[in-house]
Amino acid sequence: MFKQFSTVHEILDEILEKVPLARSQLLAQIASGFPNGFGSEPAHEKYIDNLFKLIGPVSS
């Protein structure tokens, strides 16, 4: 079963706890840009899909 997150911040916190070097990689990603409110829908879907790939299955 997958854990439900109520906010994007909770997802990011989970990533930062589970993935070595995640904080530095996240900062690099933010610096290079990522989908924003004006981006295309496929770009947003790919971004969120990649976040879930980083987290992997999470037990509740």
C-alpha atoms as a PDB file:
ATOM      1  CA  MET A   1       0.000   0.000   0.000  1.00  0.00           C
ATOM      2  CA  PHE A   2       1.199   3.491  -0.760  1.00  0.00           C
ATOM      3  CA  LYS A   3       1.278   6.278   1.771  1.00  0.00           C
ATOM      4  CA  GLN A   4      -1.005   9.235   1.035  1.00  0.00           C
ATOM      5  CA  PHE A   5       0.515  12.689   1.281  1.00  0.00           C
ATOM      6  CA  SER A   6      -1.631  15.731   1.952  1.00  0.00           C
ATOM      7  CA  THR A   7       0.897  18.275   0.657  1.00  0.00           C
ATOM      8  CA  VAL A   8       3.813  18.451  -1.742  1.00  0.00           C
ATOM      9  CA  HIS A   9       5.953  19.493   1.223  1.00  0.00           C
ATOM     10  CA  GLU A  10       5.293  16.135   2.872  1.00  0.00           C
ATOM     11  CA  ILE A  11       6.421  14.361  -0.304  1.00  0.00           C
ATOM     12  CA  LEU A  12       9.618  16.403  -0.404  1.00  0.00           C
ATOM     13  CA  ASP A  13      10.298  15.793   3.294  1.00  0.00           C
ATOM     14  CA  GLU A  14       9.969  12.041   2.686  1.00  0.00           C
ATOM     15  CA  ILE A  15      12.399  12.229  -0.234  1.00  0.00           C
ATOM     16  CA  LEU A  16      14.917  14.226   1.758  1.00  0.00           C
ATOM     17  CA  GLU A  17      14.800  11.690   4.593  1.00  0.00           C
ATOM     18  CA  LYS A  18      15.158   8.592   2.397  1.00  0.00           C
ATOM     19  CA  VAL A  19      17.566   9.563  -0.369  1.00  0.00           C
ATOM     20  CA  PRO A  20      21.256  10.290   0.278  1.00  0.00           C
ATOM     21  CA  LEU A  21      22.327  13.619  -1.229  1.00  0.00           C
ATOM     22  CA  ALA A  22      18.682  14.481  -1.960  1.00  0.00           C
ATOM     23  CA  ARG A  23      18.978  17.937  -0.425  1.00  0.00           C
ATOM     24  CA  SER A  24      21.851  18.962  -2.678  1.00  0.00           C
ATOM     25  CA  GLN A  25      20.166  17.460  -5.745  1.00  0.00           C
ATOM     26  CA  LEU A  26      16.882  19.176  -4.926  1.00  0.00           C
ATOM     27  CA  LEU A  27      18.643  22.522  -4.640  1.00  0.00           C
ATOM     28  CA  ALA A  28      20.343  21.908  -7.993  1.00  0.00           C
ATOM     29  CA  GLN A  29      16.966  21.062  -9.564  1.00  0.00           C
ATOM     30  CA  ILE A  30      15.358  24.178  -8.139  1.00  0.00           C
ATOM     31  CA  ALA A  31      18.245  26.275  -9.438  1.00  0.00           C
ATOM     32  CA  SER A  32      17.848  24.834 -12.951  1.00  0.00           C
ATOM     33  CA  GLY A  33      14.068  25.211 -12.920  1.00  0.00           C
ATOM     34  CA  PHE A  34      11.157  22.797 -12.847  1.00  0.00           C
ATOM     35  CA  PRO A  35       7.553  22.841 -14.021  1.00  0.00           C
ATOM     36  CA  ASN A  36       5.671  25.869 -12.755  1.00  0.00           C
ATOM     37  CA  GLY A  37       2.054  26.938 -12.923  1.00  0.00           C
ATOM     38  CA  PHE A  38       2.515  27.915 -16.556  1.00  0.00           C
ATOM     39  CA  GLY A  39       4.223  24.698 -17.693  1.00  0.00           C
ATOM     40  CA  SER A  40       2.638  22.013 -19.819  1.00  0.00           C
ATOM     41  CA  GLU A  41       0.604  19.233 -18.233  1.00  0.00           C
ATOM     42  CA  PRO A  42       3.001  16.463 -19.426  1.00  0.00           C
ATOM     43  CA  ALA A  43       5.915  18.322 -17.813  1.00  0.00           C
ATOM     44  CA  HIS A  44       4.056  18.411 -14.483  1.00  0.00           C
ATOM     45  CA  GLU A  45       3.149  14.722 -14.740  1.00  0.00           C
ATOM     46  CA  LYS A  46       6.752  13.757 -15.469  1.00  0.00           C
ATOM     47  CA  TYR A  47       8.018  15.892 -12.565  1.00  0.00           C
ATOM     48  CA  ILE A  48       5.588  14.298 -10.081  1.00  0.00           C
ATOM     49  CA  ASP A  49       6.262  10.819 -11.501  1.00  0.00           C
ATOM     50  CA  ASN A  50       9.988  11.343 -10.927  1.00  0.00           C
ATOM     51  CA  LEU A  51       9.348  12.442  -7.336  1.00  0.00           C
ATOM     52  CA  PHE A  52       7.433   9.217  -6.685  1.00  0.00           C
ATOM     53  CA  LYS A  53      10.224   7.179  -8.288  1.00  0.00           C
ATOM     54  CA  LEU A  54      12.656   8.763  -5.826  1.00  0.00           C
ATOM     55  CA  ILE A  55      10.430   7.980  -2.858  1.00  0.00           C
ATOM     56  CA  GLY A  56       9.578   4.431  -3.870  1.00  0.00           C
ATOM     57  CA  PRO A  57       6.950   2.404  -2.026  1.00  0.00           C
ATOM     58  CA  VAL A  58       6.252   3.800   1.426  1.00  0.00           C
ATOM     59  CA  SER A  59       4.525   1.719   4.067  1.00  0.00           C
ATOM     60  CA  SER A  60       1.848   3.483   6.086  1.00  0.00           C
END
